[in-house]
Structures are given as C-alpha cells and as structure tokens.
Amino acid sequence: MSAAKSPELRAREACRWIAENLDAFDWLVGVCLSEADKGNPRFMRGDAYKMAREKKVRLSNVEKLCRDNNLWAVLTRFAAMKYPRITRTVHYRDASIDDASLLTIWHEEVDADTEFRAATWRAAMDMCRQGEAA
C-alpha cells in the first residue's frame, strides 16, 4: 500500500497537468464562469465531466478515463482564485489540498506572471459575499 500524496505534491501534479492542458483548463474555467453568470446555484464535478465528455475535452491525467476526481479540487480552487464569482456556483469544503501554497506552486509550475484576484478559495468566497467578485 502506498502512502497518500502530500498536498504539495498533489498541487504540483495538478499544475503540471494544467501547464500541459491549458486549453482544457481554460475551457473548465469558462464553463464555471458561464454557470455562475447564469445563476446556477450548484455546478458540480459530475456536471463538468459530463459536459467535457460531450465536448471531447479531456479533464484527466488518466489516459483511458475521461475524469480524474483528484484534479477537481485543485482546478476549481485555481479557477475561483482567478475569478472569485465562480464561488457562486462551485462549492468548496475544507480539504488537505488547502495546506499547500497554491499560488506559489502555480507560479513555479504554470506561469510566474499569472495574476490571481484571491489568494485562496476562502478569500474568493469572501470577495463574492462582499460584492467584489467580478
């Protein structure tokens, strides 16, 4: 039996996936923004993977499967940190991935110049509650 991956390793693996699949990540962010703007109160992982399968977008680092649930928590956290209004439709719960320094890892693995409006999904949710989420 192997030990569970650390939050930092999981975040790095997700960022490497993002760096290699920017189109798929941007597609997911766009879908989340669209659902938030439509007023969808709850856009869930299964919804995203169903849409991805229909559009033939690969949201996985597993070759033979269309979905990889390990990526969802990290992908949607980065999406909300970039666009806090996503927290209107994607709902989060505390997870071990929150122990990783997501911004630092993104800047090291994906793009050092990416700007995020919020440092965490919690900060994004607070911005949204305060009406500061564009």
N, C-alpha and C. Protein backbone atom coordinates (compact mmCIF):
# COMPACT_ATOMS: atom_id res chain seq x y z
N MET A 1 0.86 -1.17 0.00
CA MET A 1 0.00 0.00 0.00
C MET A 1 0.90 1.24 0.00
N SER A 2 0.59 2.19 -0.86
CA SER A 2 1.42 3.40 -0.92
C SER A 2 0.84 4.49 -0.01
N ALA A 3 1.73 5.34 0.44
CA ALA A 3 1.30 6.44 1.30
C ALA A 3 0.56 7.47 0.46
N ALA A 4 -0.34 8.19 1.09
CA ALA A 4 -1.08 9.24 0.39
C ALA A 4 -0.11 10.35 -0.02
N LYS A 5 -0.40 10.95 -1.15
CA LYS A 5 0.45 12.05 -1.63
C LYS A 5 0.23 13.28 -0.77
N SER A 6 1.29 14.03 -0.57
CA SER A 6 1.18 15.26 0.21
C SER A 6 0.38 16.29 -0.59
N PRO A 7 -0.22 17.25 0.10
CA PRO A 7 -0.94 18.31 -0.61
C PRO A 7 -0.05 19.04 -1.61
N GLU A 8 1.20 19.29 -1.24
CA GLU A 8 2.09 19.99 -2.16
C GLU A 8 2.33 19.17 -3.43
N LEU A 9 2.55 17.88 -3.28
CA LEU A 9 2.78 17.03 -4.45
C LEU A 9 1.52 16.97 -5.32
N ARG A 10 0.36 16.84 -4.70
CA ARG A 10 -0.90 16.84 -5.47
C ARG A 10 -1.08 18.15 -6.22
N ALA A 11 -0.77 19.27 -5.57
CA ALA A 11 -0.90 20.58 -6.23
C ALA A 11 0.09 20.71 -7.38
N ARG A 12 1.30 20.24 -7.18
CA ARG A 12 2.31 20.29 -8.26
C ARG A 12 1.88 19.43 -9.44
N GLU A 13 1.38 18.24 -9.17
CA GLU A 13 0.92 17.37 -10.25
C GLU A 13 -0.23 18.03 -11.02
N ALA A 14 -1.15 18.65 -10.29
CA ALA A 14 -2.27 19.33 -10.95
C ALA A 14 -1.77 20.50 -11.78
N CYS A 15 -0.82 21.25 -11.26
CA CYS A 15 -0.28 22.39 -12.01
C CYS A 15 0.46 21.92 -13.26
N ARG A 16 1.15 20.82 -13.16
CA ARG A 16 1.82 20.27 -14.35
C ARG A 16 0.78 19.85 -15.38
N TRP A 17 -0.32 19.27 -14.91
CA TRP A 17 -1.41 18.92 -15.83
C TRP A 17 -1.94 20.18 -16.49
N ILE A 18 -2.18 21.23 -15.70
CA ILE A 18 -2.69 22.49 -16.25
C ILE A 18 -1.73 23.04 -17.30
N ALA A 19 -0.44 23.06 -16.98
CA ALA A 19 0.56 23.59 -17.91
C ALA A 19 0.55 22.84 -19.23
N GLU A 20 0.28 21.54 -19.18
CA GLU A 20 0.24 20.72 -20.40
C GLU A 20 -1.13 20.72 -21.07
N ASN A 21 -2.15 21.22 -20.38
CA ASN A 21 -3.52 21.17 -20.89
C ASN A 21 -4.23 22.50 -20.68
N LEU A 22 -3.56 23.58 -21.02
CA LEU A 22 -4.14 24.91 -20.77
C LEU A 22 -5.49 25.10 -21.45
N ASP A 23 -5.66 24.55 -22.63
CA ASP A 23 -6.95 24.68 -23.32
C ASP A 23 -8.07 24.04 -22.52
N ALA A 24 -7.81 22.86 -21.97
CA ALA A 24 -8.83 22.18 -21.17
C ALA A 24 -9.11 22.94 -19.88
N PHE A 25 -8.06 23.45 -19.25
CA PHE A 25 -8.26 24.24 -18.03
C PHE A 25 -9.05 25.51 -18.34
N ASP A 26 -8.68 26.20 -19.40
CA ASP A 26 -9.41 27.41 -19.78
C ASP A 26 -10.86 27.10 -20.12
N TRP A 27 -11.10 25.95 -20.76
CA TRP A 27 -12.46 25.53 -21.05
C TRP A 27 -13.25 25.36 -19.76
N LEU A 28 -12.65 24.67 -18.78
CA LEU A 28 -13.32 24.45 -17.50
C LEU A 28 -13.62 25.77 -16.80
N VAL A 29 -12.65 26.68 -16.78
CA VAL A 29 -12.86 27.99 -16.16
C VAL A 29 -14.01 28.71 -16.86
N GLY A 30 -14.02 28.67 -18.18
CA GLY A 30 -15.10 29.31 -18.94
C GLY A 30 -16.47 28.74 -18.62
N VAL A 31 -16.54 27.43 -18.49
CA VAL A 31 -17.81 26.77 -18.14
C VAL A 31 -18.24 27.20 -16.74
N CYS A 32 -17.33 27.21 -15.80
CA CYS A 32 -17.66 27.63 -14.43
C CYS A 32 -18.14 29.08 -14.41
N LEU A 33 -17.48 29.96 -15.15
CA LEU A 33 -17.91 31.36 -15.23
C LEU A 33 -19.30 31.46 -15.83
N SER A 34 -19.53 30.71 -16.89
CA SER A 34 -20.84 30.73 -17.54
C SER A 34 -21.94 30.27 -16.59
N GLU A 35 -21.68 29.19 -15.86
CA GLU A 35 -22.67 28.69 -14.91
C GLU A 35 -22.93 29.71 -13.79
N ALA A 36 -21.88 30.35 -13.31
CA ALA A 36 -22.04 31.38 -12.28
C ALA A 36 -22.88 32.53 -12.83
N ASP A 37 -22.58 32.95 -14.05
CA ASP A 37 -23.29 34.08 -14.65
C ASP A 37 -24.75 33.76 -14.96
N LYS A 38 -25.04 32.47 -15.22
CA LYS A 38 -26.42 32.04 -15.46
C LYS A 38 -27.21 31.95 -14.16
N GLY A 39 -26.51 32.00 -13.03
CA GLY A 39 -27.18 31.89 -11.73
C GLY A 39 -27.34 30.46 -11.25
N ASN A 40 -26.62 29.53 -11.85
CA ASN A 40 -26.68 28.14 -11.40
C ASN A 40 -26.17 28.09 -9.96
N PRO A 41 -27.00 27.66 -9.01
CA PRO A 41 -26.57 27.67 -7.61
C PRO A 41 -25.59 26.55 -7.25
N ARG A 42 -25.44 25.55 -8.11
CA ARG A 42 -24.53 24.45 -7.77
C ARG A 42 -24.10 23.73 -9.04
N PHE A 43 -22.88 24.03 -9.48
CA PHE A 43 -22.26 23.33 -10.60
C PHE A 43 -21.29 22.33 -10.01
N MET A 44 -21.51 21.06 -10.29
CA MET A 44 -20.75 20.02 -9.62
C MET A 44 -19.78 19.31 -10.56
N ARG A 45 -18.89 18.58 -9.96
CA ARG A 45 -17.87 17.84 -10.69
C ARG A 45 -18.49 16.96 -11.78
N GLY A 46 -19.53 16.24 -11.43
CA GLY A 46 -20.18 15.36 -12.41
C GLY A 46 -20.73 16.13 -13.59
N ASP A 47 -21.27 17.33 -13.33
CA ASP A 47 -21.77 18.17 -14.42
C ASP A 47 -20.63 18.54 -15.37
N ALA A 48 -19.51 18.93 -14.79
CA ALA A 48 -18.35 19.34 -15.60
C ALA A 48 -17.85 18.17 -16.44
N TYR A 49 -17.73 16.99 -15.85
CA TYR A 49 -17.21 15.86 -16.59
C TYR A 49 -18.18 15.40 -17.67
N LYS A 50 -19.47 15.53 -17.42
CA LYS A 50 -20.45 15.18 -18.47
C LYS A 50 -20.31 16.13 -19.65
N MET A 51 -20.20 17.41 -19.36
CA MET A 51 -20.03 18.40 -20.43
C MET A 51 -18.70 18.17 -21.16
N ALA A 52 -17.66 17.85 -20.42
CA ALA A 52 -16.36 17.61 -21.03
C ALA A 52 -16.42 16.41 -21.97
N ARG A 53 -17.09 15.36 -21.53
CA ARG A 53 -17.22 14.17 -22.38
C ARG A 53 -17.97 14.51 -23.66
N GLU A 54 -19.05 15.30 -23.54
CA GLU A 54 -19.82 15.68 -24.72
C GLU A 54 -19.01 16.54 -25.68
N LYS A 55 -18.14 17.39 -25.14
CA LYS A 55 -17.33 18.30 -25.97
C LYS A 55 -15.96 17.70 -26.31
N LYS A 56 -15.72 16.48 -25.81
CA LYS A 56 -14.45 15.79 -26.02
C LYS A 56 -13.26 16.57 -25.46
N VAL A 57 -13.48 17.14 -24.28
CA VAL A 57 -12.42 17.83 -23.55
C VAL A 57 -11.92 16.86 -22.49
N ARG A 58 -10.62 16.67 -22.46
CA ARG A 58 -10.02 15.72 -21.51
C ARG A 58 -9.68 16.44 -20.21
N LEU A 59 -10.41 16.13 -19.15
CA LEU A 59 -10.16 16.70 -17.82
C LEU A 59 -9.58 15.62 -16.93
N SER A 60 -8.48 15.05 -17.36
CA SER A 60 -7.93 13.93 -16.64
C SER A 60 -6.45 13.80 -16.92
N ASN A 61 -5.74 13.22 -15.98
CA ASN A 61 -4.36 12.83 -16.26
C ASN A 61 -4.26 11.32 -16.36
N VAL A 62 -5.42 10.68 -16.47
CA VAL A 62 -5.51 9.24 -16.64
C VAL A 62 -5.90 8.98 -18.09
N GLU A 63 -5.06 8.33 -18.84
CA GLU A 63 -5.24 8.18 -20.29
C GLU A 63 -6.60 7.60 -20.69
N LYS A 64 -7.03 6.54 -20.04
CA LYS A 64 -8.20 5.82 -20.52
C LYS A 64 -9.52 6.30 -19.92
N LEU A 65 -9.47 7.25 -19.03
CA LEU A 65 -10.69 7.73 -18.40
C LEU A 65 -10.91 9.19 -18.74
N CYS A 66 -12.15 9.60 -18.83
CA CYS A 66 -12.45 10.99 -19.11
C CYS A 66 -12.37 11.83 -17.85
N ARG A 67 -12.45 11.21 -16.70
CA ARG A 67 -12.46 12.00 -15.48
C ARG A 67 -11.44 11.51 -14.47
N ASP A 68 -10.93 12.46 -13.74
CA ASP A 68 -9.98 12.18 -12.67
C ASP A 68 -10.37 13.06 -11.50
N ASN A 69 -11.03 12.47 -10.53
CA ASN A 69 -11.56 13.26 -9.43
C ASN A 69 -10.48 13.95 -8.61
N ASN A 70 -9.25 13.49 -8.69
CA ASN A 70 -8.17 14.11 -7.93
C ASN A 70 -7.86 15.51 -8.41
N LEU A 71 -8.13 15.82 -9.65
CA LEU A 71 -7.83 17.15 -10.18
C LEU A 71 -8.90 18.18 -9.82
N TRP A 72 -10.13 17.78 -9.65
CA TRP A 72 -11.24 18.71 -9.50
C TRP A 72 -11.01 19.73 -8.39
N ALA A 73 -10.62 19.30 -7.21
CA ALA A 73 -10.45 20.22 -6.08
C ALA A 73 -9.42 21.30 -6.40
N VAL A 74 -8.33 20.90 -7.03
CA VAL A 74 -7.27 21.87 -7.33
C VAL A 74 -7.68 22.78 -8.48
N LEU A 75 -8.22 22.20 -9.54
CA LEU A 75 -8.61 23.01 -10.71
C LEU A 75 -9.63 24.07 -10.33
N THR A 76 -10.62 23.70 -9.56
CA THR A 76 -11.66 24.66 -9.21
C THR A 76 -11.19 25.69 -8.19
N ARG A 77 -10.22 25.34 -7.37
CA ARG A 77 -9.65 26.34 -6.46
C ARG A 77 -8.91 27.40 -7.25
N PHE A 78 -8.08 26.98 -8.22
CA PHE A 78 -7.39 27.97 -9.04
C PHE A 78 -8.38 28.81 -9.82
N ALA A 79 -9.44 28.19 -10.34
CA ALA A 79 -10.44 28.94 -11.11
C ALA A 79 -11.07 30.03 -10.24
N ALA A 80 -11.43 29.69 -9.00
CA ALA A 80 -12.05 30.67 -8.10
C ALA A 80 -11.07 31.74 -7.67
N MET A 81 -9.82 31.38 -7.50
CA MET A 81 -8.81 32.37 -7.11
C MET A 81 -8.61 33.39 -8.23
N LYS A 82 -8.75 32.95 -9.47
CA LYS A 82 -8.64 33.88 -10.61
C LYS A 82 -9.93 34.68 -10.78
N TYR A 83 -11.06 34.01 -10.62
CA TYR A 83 -12.37 34.63 -10.85
C TYR A 83 -13.27 34.30 -9.66
N PRO A 84 -13.25 35.11 -8.62
CA PRO A 84 -13.98 34.80 -7.39
C PRO A 84 -15.48 34.53 -7.57
N ARG A 85 -16.10 35.06 -8.61
CA ARG A 85 -17.55 34.82 -8.77
C ARG A 85 -17.86 33.35 -9.03
N ILE A 86 -16.86 32.57 -9.36
CA ILE A 86 -17.07 31.13 -9.53
C ILE A 86 -17.56 30.50 -8.24
N THR A 87 -17.25 31.10 -7.09
CA THR A 87 -17.71 30.54 -5.81
C THR A 87 -19.23 30.64 -5.67
N ARG A 88 -19.90 31.35 -6.57
CA ARG A 88 -21.37 31.39 -6.56
C ARG A 88 -21.96 30.07 -7.03
N THR A 89 -21.22 29.32 -7.82
CA THR A 89 -21.76 28.08 -8.38
C THR A 89 -20.99 26.83 -7.97
N VAL A 90 -19.67 26.94 -7.80
CA VAL A 90 -18.87 25.81 -7.33
C VAL A 90 -18.72 25.95 -5.83
N HIS A 91 -19.04 24.90 -5.11
CA HIS A 91 -18.97 24.94 -3.66
C HIS A 91 -17.79 24.11 -3.17
N TYR A 92 -17.16 24.60 -2.13
CA TYR A 92 -15.93 24.01 -1.63
C TYR A 92 -16.10 23.54 -0.21
N ARG A 93 -15.28 22.61 0.14
CA ARG A 93 -15.19 22.19 1.54
C ARG A 93 -13.71 22.11 1.87
N ASP A 94 -13.40 22.19 3.14
CA ASP A 94 -12.01 22.08 3.54
C ASP A 94 -11.43 20.76 3.05
N ALA A 95 -10.22 20.84 2.55
CA ALA A 95 -9.54 19.65 2.05
C ALA A 95 -8.05 19.79 2.33
N SER A 96 -7.37 18.68 2.35
CA SER A 96 -5.93 18.72 2.63
C SER A 96 -5.18 19.56 1.60
N ILE A 97 -5.69 19.69 0.39
CA ILE A 97 -5.02 20.49 -0.64
C ILE A 97 -4.88 21.94 -0.19
N ASP A 98 -5.73 22.38 0.72
CA ASP A 98 -5.67 23.75 1.22
C ASP A 98 -4.41 24.00 2.06
N ASP A 99 -3.73 22.94 2.44
CA ASP A 99 -2.48 23.10 3.20
C ASP A 99 -1.29 23.43 2.30
N ALA A 100 -1.48 23.29 1.00
CA ALA A 100 -0.40 23.61 0.05
C ALA A 100 -0.44 25.10 -0.29
N SER A 101 0.69 25.65 -0.61
CA SER A 101 0.78 27.05 -1.04
C SER A 101 0.46 27.11 -2.52
N LEU A 102 -0.83 27.13 -2.83
CA LEU A 102 -1.28 27.01 -4.22
C LEU A 102 -0.73 28.11 -5.13
N LEU A 103 -0.73 29.34 -4.66
CA LEU A 103 -0.21 30.42 -5.51
C LEU A 103 1.27 30.23 -5.84
N THR A 104 2.05 29.89 -4.85
CA THR A 104 3.48 29.67 -5.08
C THR A 104 3.69 28.52 -6.06
N ILE A 105 2.97 27.45 -5.87
CA ILE A 105 3.13 26.29 -6.74
C ILE A 105 2.69 26.62 -8.16
N TRP A 106 1.57 27.34 -8.33
CA TRP A 106 1.15 27.76 -9.67
C TRP A 106 2.26 28.58 -10.34
N HIS A 107 2.77 29.56 -9.62
CA HIS A 107 3.79 30.43 -10.20
C HIS A 107 5.07 29.68 -10.54
N GLU A 108 5.38 28.63 -9.82
CA GLU A 108 6.56 27.81 -10.13
C GLU A 108 6.32 26.82 -11.26
N GLU A 109 5.12 26.30 -11.36
CA GLU A 109 4.84 25.21 -12.30
C GLU A 109 4.11 25.64 -13.58
N VAL A 110 3.32 26.71 -13.50
CA VAL A 110 2.49 27.06 -14.66
C VAL A 110 2.96 28.37 -15.30
N ASP A 111 2.86 29.46 -14.56
CA ASP A 111 3.20 30.76 -15.13
C ASP A 111 3.47 31.75 -14.00
N ALA A 112 4.69 32.23 -13.94
CA ALA A 112 5.10 33.15 -12.87
C ALA A 112 4.36 34.47 -12.92
N ASP A 113 3.79 34.83 -14.06
CA ASP A 113 3.16 36.14 -14.22
C ASP A 113 1.64 36.13 -14.06
N THR A 114 1.05 34.98 -13.82
CA THR A 114 -0.39 34.91 -13.66
C THR A 114 -0.82 35.72 -12.44
N GLU A 115 -1.86 36.52 -12.63
CA GLU A 115 -2.42 37.29 -11.52
C GLU A 115 -3.70 36.62 -11.04
N PHE A 116 -3.80 36.52 -9.74
CA PHE A 116 -5.00 35.97 -9.10
C PHE A 116 -5.64 37.09 -8.30
N ARG A 117 -6.95 37.14 -8.32
CA ARG A 117 -7.67 38.15 -7.54
C ARG A 117 -7.74 37.77 -6.07
N ALA A 118 -7.66 36.47 -5.79
CA ALA A 118 -7.75 36.00 -4.40
C ALA A 118 -6.63 34.98 -4.16
N ALA A 119 -6.15 34.95 -2.94
CA ALA A 119 -5.05 34.05 -2.58
C ALA A 119 -5.53 32.63 -2.26
N THR A 120 -6.82 32.48 -1.92
CA THR A 120 -7.39 31.17 -1.59
C THR A 120 -8.85 31.16 -2.03
N TRP A 121 -9.46 29.98 -2.04
CA TRP A 121 -10.88 29.91 -2.36
C TRP A 121 -11.71 30.60 -1.28
N ARG A 122 -11.24 30.56 -0.04
CA ARG A 122 -11.98 31.23 1.04
C ARG A 122 -11.98 32.75 0.82
N ALA A 123 -10.83 33.29 0.42
CA ALA A 123 -10.75 34.72 0.13
C ALA A 123 -11.63 35.07 -1.06
N ALA A 124 -11.68 34.18 -2.05
CA ALA A 124 -12.55 34.40 -3.22
C ALA A 124 -14.01 34.42 -2.79
N MET A 125 -14.39 33.51 -1.91
CA MET A 125 -15.76 33.46 -1.43
C MET A 125 -16.10 34.73 -0.64
N ASP A 126 -15.17 35.20 0.17
CA ASP A 126 -15.39 36.44 0.92
C ASP A 126 -15.57 37.62 -0.03
N MET A 127 -14.75 37.69 -1.08
CA MET A 127 -14.88 38.75 -2.07
C MET A 127 -16.27 38.70 -2.72
N CYS A 128 -16.70 37.51 -3.01
CA CYS A 128 -18.02 37.33 -3.63
C CYS A 128 -19.13 37.79 -2.70
N ARG A 129 -19.04 37.41 -1.45
CA ARG A 129 -20.05 37.83 -0.47
C ARG A 129 -20.10 39.34 -0.30
N GLN A 130 -18.95 39.98 -0.43
CA GLN A 130 -18.85 41.43 -0.26
C GLN A 130 -19.15 42.19 -1.55
N GLY A 131 -19.50 41.46 -2.61
CA GLY A 131 -19.83 42.11 -3.87
C GLY A 131 -18.62 42.58 -4.66
N GLU A 132 -17.44 42.06 -4.34
CA GLU A 132 -16.21 42.47 -5.02
C GLU A 132 -15.77 41.49 -6.07
N ALA A 133 -16.59 40.50 -6.37
CA ALA A 133 -16.19 39.45 -7.30
C ALA A 133 -16.70 39.75 -8.70
N ALA A 134 -15.77 40.02 -9.58
CA ALA A 134 -16.16 40.26 -10.98
C ALA A 134 -16.01 38.99 -11.78
